Amino acid sequence: MTLLQKAVTPEQTRAYLVGGHDRVAGYVVRAVDVSFAVTPAQLVDVHALAYPHSPFRADSPWIDVLRFESAPQFQYRDGALGTLIPEWWLRHSRLTPGAELVRVFDDGSAALLGRYADIGSGWRVVHAAAPRPSRAPLSRCVGPVARWHGGYLDADLVDGGRSVVFALDSPPLLETGFRQTRAGRWSRRVPREEVSELFELDITAWWFGMPVRIVDQWQDRRRDVIARISALADDEALVTSLRMDKVEAGVYETTVPLAELNGLVTEQLVPEAWATVSRLGA
């Protein structure tokens, strides 16, 4: 797997380390290509962060970066042309196990802020005095899903693909062997061969001319179905006219009634490495 890197805003850092956020999207580079960038000024250059109204400054005392392994289910498109370092735009995805959040200082030093273990254990904040991250809700719309003992569970591949970690928001009624983690979820690790299917749901639709991915879905108090959507097209004028929330450069999202979406398509993404899991567990 390839180690990727992206710069994150202070708001995103808080979302990860306080809110337990486990998603990633937007422009990424290969960490090996930018290993020489060890100050905020250098990070601004290699990540092309000097765009209009950018929240990043070359003279900042520090900038945070997220480093995480690529995954076979990730979907990319080419980034901007003419950048100093090759970059890609990553669709809204769940973080891969082992992701790290690092603060890079203007004196060339760096400090690890937190590490994302997996979907069951979530983030571990390094600073002893920091509060424990909140438990973010699980979502079947993004990230690996495993079929095990006839049921479907949110999952992660770990141990170099030899094991699968499950996560539940509440203790299972029938299955044993689950433990509650510090993140508040109920988790269990099983050998890879016990899993009969492994896939990621990819639910796409159109919203007033914008192709979108559904990244979360729930019912409101009136039992209407609500969807969180992430824009798939690089169309600044359209996202502006639709008043989508700008999460960061190139990442626009909003929350809408599911009834406003049309042309819904649901696919199961099964990379070849995951298809092997299905054959082993069949």
C-alpha atoms as a PDB file:
ATOM      1  CA  MET A   1       0.000   0.000   0.000  1.00  0.00           C
ATOM      2  CA  THR A   2       1.019   3.607  -0.575  1.00  0.00           C
ATOM      3  CA  LEU A   3       1.275   6.071   2.306  1.00  0.00           C
ATOM      4  CA  LEU A   4      -0.697   9.219   1.490  1.00  0.00           C
ATOM      5  CA  GLN A   5      -0.594  12.652   3.087  1.00  0.00           C
ATOM      6  CA  LYS A   6      -2.906  15.650   3.194  1.00  0.00           C
ATOM      7  CA  ALA A   7      -2.920  18.906   5.109  1.00  0.00           C
ATOM      8  CA  VAL A   8      -5.857  19.370   7.485  1.00  0.00           C
ATOM      9  CA  THR A   9      -7.320  22.498   9.029  1.00  0.00           C
ATOM     10  CA  PRO A  10      -7.568  23.081  12.801  1.00  0.00           C
ATOM     11  CA  GLU A  11     -11.310  22.406  12.503  1.00  0.00           C
ATOM     12  CA  GLN A  12     -10.608  19.025  10.940  1.00  0.00           C
ATOM     13  CA  THR A  13      -8.055  18.213  13.636  1.00  0.00           C
ATOM     14  CA  ARG A  14     -10.706  18.891  16.293  1.00  0.00           C
ATOM     15  CA  ALA A  15     -13.192  16.746  14.374  1.00  0.00           C
ATOM     16  CA  TYR A  16     -10.746  13.827  14.429  1.00  0.00           C
ATOM     17  CA  LEU A  17      -9.381  14.102  17.959  1.00  0.00           C
ATOM     18  CA  VAL A  18     -12.472  15.431  19.751  1.00  0.00           C
ATOM     19  CA  GLY A  19     -15.375  14.310  17.582  1.00  0.00           C
ATOM     20  CA  GLY A  20     -13.969  10.914  16.619  1.00  0.00           C
ATOM     21  CA  HIS A  21     -14.370  11.688  12.900  1.00  0.00           C
ATOM     22  CA  ASP A  22     -13.119   8.800  10.752  1.00  0.00           C
ATOM     23  CA  ARG A  23     -13.483  10.104   7.193  1.00  0.00           C
ATOM     24  CA  VAL A  24     -11.132  11.633   4.648  1.00  0.00           C
ATOM     25  CA  ALA A  25     -11.644  13.376   1.309  1.00  0.00           C
ATOM     26  CA  GLY A  26      -9.992  15.883  -0.978  1.00  0.00           C
ATOM     27  CA  TYR A  27      -6.515  16.447  -2.341  1.00  0.00           C
ATOM     28  CA  VAL A  28      -3.779  14.015  -1.332  1.00  0.00           C
ATOM     29  CA  VAL A  29      -0.146  13.409  -2.251  1.00  0.00           C
ATOM     30  CA  ARG A  30       2.206  10.486  -1.760  1.00  0.00           C
ATOM     31  CA  ALA A  31       4.043  10.935   1.521  1.00  0.00           C
ATOM     32  CA  VAL A  32       7.325   9.847  -0.048  1.00  0.00           C
ATOM     33  CA  ASP A  33       7.074  12.687  -2.581  1.00  0.00           C
ATOM     34  CA  VAL A  34       6.893  15.324   0.165  1.00  0.00           C
ATOM     35  CA  SER A  35       9.158  13.806   2.808  1.00  0.00           C
ATOM     36  CA  PHE A  36      11.505  16.786   2.454  1.00  0.00           C
ATOM     37  CA  ALA A  37       8.749  19.223   3.524  1.00  0.00           C
ATOM     38  CA  VAL A  38       9.335  19.666   7.259  1.00  0.00           C
ATOM     39  CA  THR A  39       8.051  23.207   7.908  1.00  0.00           C
ATOM     40  CA  PRO A  40       4.678  24.920   7.379  1.00  0.00           C
ATOM     41  CA  ALA A  41       6.128  27.027   4.555  1.00  0.00           C
ATOM     42  CA  GLN A  42       7.309  23.916   2.736  1.00  0.00           C
ATOM     43  CA  LEU A  43       3.968  22.176   3.318  1.00  0.00           C
ATOM     44  CA  VAL A  44       2.123  25.128   1.804  1.00  0.00           C
ATOM     45  CA  ASP A  45       4.286  24.737  -1.308  1.00  0.00           C
ATOM     46  CA  VAL A  46       4.075  20.963  -1.761  1.00  0.00           C
ATOM     47  CA  HIS A  47       0.345  20.743  -0.991  1.00  0.00           C
ATOM     48  CA  ALA A  48      -0.477  23.784  -3.168  1.00  0.00           C
ATOM     49  CA  LEU A  49      -2.194  25.501  -0.237  1.00  0.00           C
ATOM     50  CA  ALA A  50      -1.637  29.114  -1.308  1.00  0.00           C
ATOM     51  CA  TYR A  51      -5.012  29.394  -3.049  1.00  0.00           C
ATOM     52  CA  PRO A  52      -7.436  32.324  -2.552  1.00  0.00           C
ATOM     53  CA  HIS A  53      -9.025  32.402   0.929  1.00  0.00           C
ATOM     54  CA  SER A  54      -6.883  29.458   2.039  1.00  0.00           C
ATOM     55  CA  PRO A  55      -6.954  28.726   5.787  1.00  0.00           C
ATOM     56  CA  PHE A  56      -3.264  27.786   5.570  1.00  0.00           C
ATOM     57  CA  ARG A  57      -0.403  30.282   5.839  1.00  0.00           C
ATOM     58  CA  ALA A  58       3.276  29.799   5.117  1.00  0.00           C
ATOM     59  CA  ASP A  59       4.165  31.778   8.256  1.00  0.00           C
ATOM     60  CA  SER A  60       1.973  29.662  10.562  1.00  0.00           C
ATOM     61  CA  PRO A  61       3.746  28.285  13.648  1.00  0.00           C
ATOM     62  CA  TRP A  62       2.440  24.834  12.711  1.00  0.00           C
ATOM     63  CA  ILE A  63       0.313  22.914  10.211  1.00  0.00           C
ATOM     64  CA  ASP A  64      -1.283  19.521  10.817  1.00  0.00           C
ATOM     65  CA  VAL A  65      -1.033  16.698   8.293  1.00  0.00           C
ATOM     66  CA  LEU A  66      -2.891  13.415   8.069  1.00  0.00           C
ATOM     67  CA  ARG A  67      -0.941  10.362   6.911  1.00  0.00           C
ATOM     68  CA  PHE A  68      -2.792   7.194   5.974  1.00  0.00           C
ATOM     69  CA  GLU A  69      -2.395   4.121   3.806  1.00  0.00           C
ATOM     70  CA  SER A  70      -4.183   3.891   0.492  1.00  0.00           C
ATOM     71  CA  ALA A  71      -6.798   1.163   0.141  1.00  0.00           C
ATOM     72  CA  PRO A  72      -7.991  -0.877  -2.847  1.00  0.00           C
ATOM     73  CA  GLN A  73     -11.526   0.550  -2.599  1.00  0.00           C
ATOM     74  CA  PHE A  74     -10.410   4.198  -2.727  1.00  0.00           C
ATOM     75  CA  GLN A  75     -11.541   6.137  -5.798  1.00  0.00           C
ATOM     76  CA  TYR A  76      -9.507   9.043  -7.142  1.00  0.00           C
ATOM     77  CA  ARG A  77      -9.435  11.577  -9.922  1.00  0.00           C
ATOM     78  CA  ASP A  78      -6.457  13.633 -11.071  1.00  0.00           C
ATOM     79  CA  GLY A  79      -5.695  16.766  -9.097  1.00  0.00           C
ATOM     80  CA  ALA A  80      -4.853  20.202 -10.438  1.00  0.00           C
ATOM     81  CA  LEU A  81      -2.399  20.474 -13.314  1.00  0.00           C
ATOM     82  CA  GLY A  82       0.896  22.272 -12.901  1.00  0.00           C
ATOM     83  CA  THR A  83       1.371  21.553  -9.204  1.00  0.00           C
ATOM     84  CA  LEU A  84       4.854  21.130  -7.773  1.00  0.00           C
ATOM     85  CA  ILE A  85       4.055  17.604  -6.568  1.00  0.00           C
ATOM     86  CA  PRO A  86       1.649  15.109  -8.224  1.00  0.00           C
ATOM     87  CA  GLU A  87      -1.672  15.143  -6.401  1.00  0.00           C
ATOM     88  CA  TRP A  88      -4.978  13.318  -6.590  1.00  0.00           C
ATOM     89  CA  TRP A  89      -8.504  14.076  -5.441  1.00  0.00           C
ATOM     90  CA  LEU A  90      -9.906  11.355  -3.177  1.00  0.00           C
ATOM     91  CA  ARG A  91     -13.636  10.712  -2.908  1.00  0.00           C
ATOM     92  CA  HIS A  92     -15.152  10.829   0.579  1.00  0.00           C
ATOM     93  CA  SER A  93     -13.910   7.616   2.230  1.00  0.00           C
ATOM     94  CA  ARG A  94     -13.376   6.068   5.632  1.00  0.00           C
ATOM     95  CA  LEU A  95      -9.869   6.265   7.068  1.00  0.00           C
ATOM     96  CA  THR A  96      -7.676   3.203   6.902  1.00  0.00           C
ATOM     97  CA  PRO A  97      -6.337   1.598  10.107  1.00  0.00           C
ATOM     98  CA  GLY A  98      -3.092   3.105  11.347  1.00  0.00           C
ATOM     99  CA  ALA A  99      -3.726   6.655  10.109  1.00  0.00           C
ATOM    100  CA  GLU A 100      -1.753   9.289  12.011  1.00  0.00           C
ATOM    101  CA  LEU A 101      -2.313  12.978  12.647  1.00  0.00           C
ATOM    102  CA  VAL A 102       0.980  14.873  12.913  1.00  0.00           C
ATOM    103  CA  ARG A 103       1.701  18.518  13.787  1.00  0.00           C
ATOM    104  CA  VAL A 104       4.601  20.026  11.820  1.00  0.00           C
ATOM    105  CA  PHE A 105       6.268  23.059  13.443  1.00  0.00           C
ATOM    106  CA  ASP A 106       8.142  25.977  11.914  1.00  0.00           C
ATOM    107  CA  ASP A 107      11.435  24.861  13.495  1.00  0.00           C
ATOM    108  CA  GLY A 108      11.339  21.617  11.497  1.00  0.00           C
ATOM    109  CA  SER A 109      10.170  19.436  14.374  1.00  0.00           C
ATOM    110  CA  ALA A 110       6.999  17.351  14.425  1.00  0.00           C
ATOM    111  CA  ALA A 111       4.740  15.777  17.043  1.00  0.00           C
ATOM    112  CA  LEU A 112       2.277  12.915  16.783  1.00  0.00           C
ATOM    113  CA  LEU A 113      -1.181  14.100  17.885  1.00  0.00           C
ATOM    114  CA  GLY A 114      -3.191  10.923  17.472  1.00  0.00           C
ATOM    115  CA  ARG A 115      -3.453   7.556  15.793  1.00  0.00           C
ATOM    116  CA  TYR A 116      -6.534   5.923  14.299  1.00  0.00           C
ATOM    117  CA  ALA A 117      -6.456   2.235  15.210  1.00  0.00           C
ATOM    118  CA  ASP A 118      -9.446   0.837  13.320  1.00  0.00           C
ATOM    119  CA  ILE A 119     -13.226   1.123  13.123  1.00  0.00           C
ATOM    120  CA  GLY A 120     -13.664  -0.613  16.455  1.00  0.00           C
ATOM    121  CA  SER A 121     -11.163   1.344  18.538  1.00  0.00           C
ATOM    122  CA  GLY A 122     -11.202   4.696  16.737  1.00  0.00           C
ATOM    123  CA  TRP A 123      -8.717   7.452  17.568  1.00  0.00           C
ATOM    124  CA  ARG A 124      -6.140   7.309  20.348  1.00  0.00           C
ATOM    125  CA  VAL A 125      -5.036  10.803  21.337  1.00  0.00           C
ATOM    126  CA  VAL A 126      -1.375  10.921  22.324  1.00  0.00           C
ATOM    127  CA  HIS A 127      -1.519  13.866  24.757  1.00  0.00           C
ATOM    128  CA  ALA A 128      -2.269  12.482  28.217  1.00  0.00           C
ATOM    129  CA  ALA A 129      -4.438  15.457  29.218  1.00  0.00           C
ATOM    130  CA  ALA A 130      -6.539  15.430  26.049  1.00  0.00           C
ATOM    131  CA  PRO A 131     -10.194  14.370  26.304  1.00  0.00           C
ATOM    132  CA  ARG A 132     -11.202  11.011  24.895  1.00  0.00           C
ATOM    133  CA  PRO A 133     -12.689  11.436  21.390  1.00  0.00           C
ATOM    134  CA  SER A 134     -16.453  11.197  21.087  1.00  0.00           C
ATOM    135  CA  ARG A 135     -17.999   8.214  19.354  1.00  0.00           C
ATOM    136  CA  ALA A 136     -18.883   9.060  15.763  1.00  0.00           C
ATOM    137  CA  PRO A 137     -21.904   7.158  14.408  1.00  0.00           C
ATOM    138  CA  LEU A 138     -21.237   4.165  12.193  1.00  0.00           C
ATOM    139  CA  SER A 139     -22.327   4.345   8.560  1.00  0.00           C
ATOM    140  CA  ARG A 140     -22.858   1.541   6.057  1.00  0.00           C
ATOM    141  CA  CYS A 141     -22.588   4.122   3.270  1.00  0.00           C
ATOM    142  CA  VAL A 142     -18.795   4.468   3.496  1.00  0.00           C
ATOM    143  CA  GLY A 143     -16.094   1.927   4.282  1.00  0.00           C
ATOM    144  CA  PRO A 144     -15.771  -1.864   4.247  1.00  0.00           C
ATOM    145  CA  VAL A 145     -18.735  -4.039   5.173  1.00  0.00           C
ATOM    146  CA  ALA A 146     -18.279  -7.725   6.039  1.00  0.00           C
ATOM    147  CA  ARG A 147     -20.734 -10.609   5.960  1.00  0.00           C
ATOM    148  CA  TRP A 148     -20.169 -12.886   8.932  1.00  0.00           C
ATOM    149  CA  HIS A 149     -22.462 -15.571  10.335  1.00  0.00           C
ATOM    150  CA  GLY A 150     -25.200 -14.404   7.977  1.00  0.00           C
ATOM    151  CA  GLY A 151     -25.150 -10.759   9.106  1.00  0.00           C
ATOM    152  CA  TYR A 152     -23.515  -7.594   7.786  1.00  0.00           C
ATOM    153  CA  LEU A 153     -21.164  -5.546   9.961  1.00  0.00           C
ATOM    154  CA  ASP A 154     -18.999  -2.453   9.521  1.00  0.00           C
ATOM    155  CA  ALA A 155     -15.446  -3.727   9.268  1.00  0.00           C
ATOM    156  CA  ASP A 156     -11.758  -3.108   8.607  1.00  0.00           C
ATOM    157  CA  LEU A 157      -9.028  -5.349   7.256  1.00  0.00           C
ATOM    158  CA  VAL A 158      -6.058  -5.425   9.648  1.00  0.00           C
ATOM    159  CA  ASP A 159      -2.913  -7.467  10.323  1.00  0.00           C
ATOM    160  CA  GLY A 160      -1.833  -7.116   6.711  1.00  0.00           C
ATOM    161  CA  GLY A 161      -5.175  -8.465   5.532  1.00  0.00           C
ATOM    162  CA  ARG A 162      -5.057 -11.574   7.716  1.00  0.00           C
ATOM    163  CA  SER A 163      -7.796 -10.421  10.117  1.00  0.00           C
ATOM    164  CA  VAL A 164     -11.057  -8.495   9.994  1.00  0.00           C
ATOM    165  CA  VAL A 165     -12.243  -6.157  12.761  1.00  0.00           C
ATOM    166  CA  PHE A 166     -15.986  -5.665  13.277  1.00  0.00           C
ATOM    167  CA  ALA A 167     -17.677  -2.718  14.982  1.00  0.00           C
ATOM    168  CA  LEU A 168     -21.148  -2.311  16.478  1.00  0.00           C
ATOM    169  CA  ASP A 169     -22.749   0.649  18.249  1.00  0.00           C
ATOM    170  CA  SER A 170     -24.341  -1.659  20.839  1.00  0.00           C
ATOM    171  CA  PRO A 171     -23.589  -5.154  22.169  1.00  0.00           C
ATOM    172  CA  PRO A 172     -24.831  -8.004  19.962  1.00  0.00           C
ATOM    173  CA  LEU A 173     -27.808  -9.991  21.180  1.00  0.00           C
ATOM    174  CA  LEU A 174     -26.607 -13.440  20.133  1.00  0.00           C
ATOM    175  CA  GLU A 175     -22.916 -13.396  19.199  1.00  0.00           C
ATOM    176  CA  THR A 176     -20.213 -13.676  21.850  1.00  0.00           C
ATOM    177  CA  GLY A 177     -16.603 -12.524  21.827  1.00  0.00           C
ATOM    178  CA  PHE A 178     -17.301  -8.808  21.347  1.00  0.00           C
ATOM    179  CA  ARG A 179     -15.688  -6.336  23.755  1.00  0.00           C
ATOM    180  CA  GLN A 180     -16.393  -2.682  24.359  1.00  0.00           C
ATOM    181  CA  THR A 181     -13.464  -0.505  23.336  1.00  0.00           C
ATOM    182  CA  ARG A 182     -12.364   2.855  24.732  1.00  0.00           C
ATOM    183  CA  ALA A 183     -14.163   4.398  21.757  1.00  0.00           C
ATOM    184  CA  GLY A 184     -17.471   3.061  23.113  1.00  0.00           C
ATOM    185  CA  ARG A 185     -18.064   0.632  20.268  1.00  0.00           C
ATOM    186  CA  TRP A 186     -18.352  -3.139  20.514  1.00  0.00           C
ATOM    187  CA  SER A 187     -15.619  -4.833  18.541  1.00  0.00           C
ATOM    188  CA  ARG A 188     -14.348  -8.268  17.644  1.00  0.00           C
ATOM    189  CA  ARG A 189     -11.439  -9.474  15.523  1.00  0.00           C
ATOM    190  CA  VAL A 190     -11.744 -12.679  13.489  1.00  0.00           C
ATOM    191  CA  PRO A 191      -9.522 -14.493  10.986  1.00  0.00           C
ATOM    192  CA  ARG A 192     -10.022 -13.281   7.449  1.00  0.00           C
ATOM    193  CA  GLU A 193     -11.211 -16.681   6.250  1.00  0.00           C
ATOM    194  CA  GLU A 194     -14.282 -16.501   8.514  1.00  0.00           C
ATOM    195  CA  VAL A 195     -15.693 -13.638   6.438  1.00  0.00           C
ATOM    196  CA  SER A 196     -17.849 -14.772   3.518  1.00  0.00           C
ATOM    197  CA  GLU A 197     -18.140 -11.347   1.832  1.00  0.00           C
ATOM    198  CA  LEU A 198     -16.254  -8.067   2.011  1.00  0.00           C
ATOM    199  CA  PHE A 199     -17.314  -5.013   0.034  1.00  0.00           C
ATOM    200  CA  GLU A 200     -17.974  -1.285   0.193  1.00  0.00           C
ATOM    201  CA  LEU A 201     -21.342   0.195  -0.705  1.00  0.00           C
ATOM    202  CA  ASP A 202     -21.118   2.997  -3.245  1.00  0.00           C
ATOM    203  CA  ILE A 203     -24.429   4.875  -3.402  1.00  0.00           C
ATOM    204  CA  THR A 204     -24.485   7.664  -5.963  1.00  0.00           C
ATOM    205  CA  ALA A 205     -27.251   9.964  -7.166  1.00  0.00           C
ATOM    206  CA  TRP A 206     -27.994  13.338  -8.736  1.00  0.00           C
ATOM    207  CA  TRP A 207     -29.032  16.435  -6.824  1.00  0.00           C
ATOM    208  CA  PHE A 208     -30.157  19.366  -8.979  1.00  0.00           C
ATOM    209  CA  GLY A 209     -27.584  18.556 -11.661  1.00  0.00           C
ATOM    210  CA  MET A 210     -24.746  17.634  -9.296  1.00  0.00           C
ATOM    211  CA  PRO A 211     -23.496  14.023  -9.139  1.00  0.00           C
ATOM    212  CA  VAL A 212     -23.099  13.083  -5.479  1.00  0.00           C
ATOM    213  CA  ARG A 213     -22.151  10.210  -3.220  1.00  0.00           C
ATOM    214  CA  ILE A 214     -24.372   9.434  -0.236  1.00  0.00           C
ATOM    215  CA  VAL A 215     -21.999   9.217   2.725  1.00  0.00           C
ATOM    216  CA  ASP A 216     -24.502   8.986   5.597  1.00  0.00           C
ATOM    217  CA  GLN A 217     -28.208   8.283   5.956  1.00  0.00           C
ATOM    218  CA  TRP A 218     -30.654   8.417   8.876  1.00  0.00           C
ATOM    219  CA  GLN A 219     -34.243   9.182   9.859  1.00  0.00           C
ATOM    220  CA  ASP A 220     -35.252  12.471  11.448  1.00  0.00           C
ATOM    221  CA  ARG A 221     -37.867  12.878  14.186  1.00  0.00           C
ATOM    222  CA  ARG A 222     -40.649  12.785  11.597  1.00  0.00           C
ATOM    223  CA  ARG A 223     -39.156   9.525  10.266  1.00  0.00           C
ATOM    224  CA  ASP A 224     -38.225  11.177   6.979  1.00  0.00           C
ATOM    225  CA  VAL A 225     -35.018   9.756   5.479  1.00  0.00           C
ATOM    226  CA  ILE A 226     -32.158  12.278   5.444  1.00  0.00           C
ATOM    227  CA  ALA A 227     -28.928  11.916   3.477  1.00  0.00           C
ATOM    228  CA  ARG A 228     -25.515  13.498   3.801  1.00  0.00           C
ATOM    229  CA  ILE A 229     -24.107  13.927   0.300  1.00  0.00           C
ATOM    230  CA  SER A 230     -20.649  14.723  -1.056  1.00  0.00           C
ATOM    231  CA  ALA A 231     -20.179  16.355  -4.465  1.00  0.00           C
ATOM    232  CA  LEU A 232     -18.393  14.287  -7.117  1.00  0.00           C
ATOM    233  CA  ALA A 233     -17.980  16.939  -9.824  1.00  0.00           C
ATOM    234  CA  ASP A 234     -15.367  19.682  -9.889  1.00  0.00           C
ATOM    235  CA  ASP A 235     -17.881  22.450 -10.631  1.00  0.00           C
ATOM    236  CA  GLU A 236     -17.287  25.515  -8.463  1.00  0.00           C
ATOM    237  CA  ALA A 237     -20.180  27.463  -9.984  1.00  0.00           C
ATOM    238  CA  LEU A 238     -22.705  24.687  -9.403  1.00  0.00           C
ATOM    239  CA  VAL A 239     -21.723  23.916  -5.801  1.00  0.00           C
ATOM    240  CA  THR A 240     -21.869  27.645  -5.079  1.00  0.00           C
ATOM    241  CA  SER A 241     -25.327  28.005  -6.610  1.00  0.00           C
ATOM    242  CA  LEU A 242     -26.513  24.979  -4.620  1.00  0.00           C
ATOM    243  CA  ARG A 243     -25.019  26.482  -1.435  1.00  0.00           C
ATOM    244  CA  MET A 244     -23.199  23.305  -0.514  1.00  0.00           C
ATOM    245  CA  ASP A 245     -20.936  23.477   2.540  1.00  0.00           C
ATOM    246  CA  LYS A 246     -17.257  23.874   1.677  1.00  0.00           C
ATOM    247  CA  VAL A 247     -15.487  21.391   3.941  1.00  0.00           C
ATOM    248  CA  GLU A 248     -12.112  22.167   2.383  1.00  0.00           C
ATOM    249  CA  ALA A 249     -10.655  22.875  -1.043  1.00  0.00           C
ATOM    250  CA  GLY A 250     -12.441  20.622  -3.531  1.00  0.00           C
ATOM    251  CA  VAL A 251     -14.734  19.018  -0.935  1.00  0.00           C
ATOM    252  CA  TYR A 252     -18.360  20.150  -0.847  1.00  0.00           C
ATOM    253  CA  GLU A 253     -21.089  18.457   1.164  1.00  0.00           C
ATOM    254  CA  THR A 254     -24.593  19.111   2.441  1.00  0.00           C
ATOM    255  CA  THR A 255     -27.539  17.410   4.123  1.00  0.00           C
ATOM    256  CA  VAL A 256     -30.775  16.924   2.181  1.00  0.00           C
ATOM    257  CA  PRO A 257     -33.994  14.882   2.263  1.00  0.00           C
ATOM    258  CA  LEU A 258     -33.441  11.634   0.393  1.00  0.00           C
ATOM    259  CA  ALA A 259     -36.553  12.452  -1.641  1.00  0.00           C
ATOM    260  CA  GLU A 260     -34.652  15.299  -3.347  1.00  0.00           C
ATOM    261  CA  LEU A 261     -32.197  12.859  -4.929  1.00  0.00           C
ATOM    262  CA  ASN A 262     -32.823  11.100  -8.205  1.00  0.00           C
ATOM    263  CA  GLY A 263     -31.084   8.469 -10.278  1.00  0.00           C
ATOM    264  CA  LEU A 264     -29.885   6.530  -7.238  1.00  0.00           C
ATOM    265  CA  VAL A 265     -27.427   3.754  -8.070  1.00  0.00           C
ATOM    266  CA  THR A 266     -26.153   1.311  -5.439  1.00  0.00           C
ATOM    267  CA  GLU A 267     -23.071  -0.765  -6.198  1.00  0.00           C
ATOM    268  CA  GLN A 268     -20.948  -3.146  -4.184  1.00  0.00           C
ATOM    269  CA  LEU A 269     -17.274  -2.328  -4.690  1.00  0.00           C
ATOM    270  CA  VAL A 270     -15.259  -5.549  -4.433  1.00  0.00           C
ATOM    271  CA  PRO A 271     -11.536  -5.094  -5.171  1.00  0.00           C
ATOM    272  CA  GLU A 272      -9.683  -8.231  -6.237  1.00  0.00           C
ATOM    273  CA  ALA A 273      -8.007  -8.539  -2.828  1.00  0.00           C
ATOM    274  CA  TRP A 274     -11.427  -8.549  -1.189  1.00  0.00           C
ATOM    275  CA  ALA A 275     -12.866 -11.004  -3.701  1.00  0.00           C
ATOM    276  CA  THR A 276     -10.239 -13.425  -2.407  1.00  0.00           C
ATOM    277  CA  VAL A 277     -11.770 -13.005   1.045  1.00  0.00           C
ATOM    278  CA  SER A 278     -15.172 -13.964  -0.336  1.00  0.00           C
ATOM    279  CA  ARG A 279     -13.797 -17.062  -2.038  1.00  0.00           C
ATOM    280  CA  LEU A 280     -11.988 -18.142   1.123  1.00  0.00           C
ATOM    281  CA  GLY A 281     -15.092 -17.681   3.239  1.00  0.00           C
ATOM    282  CA  ALA A 282     -17.527 -19.269   0.796  1.00  0.00           C
END
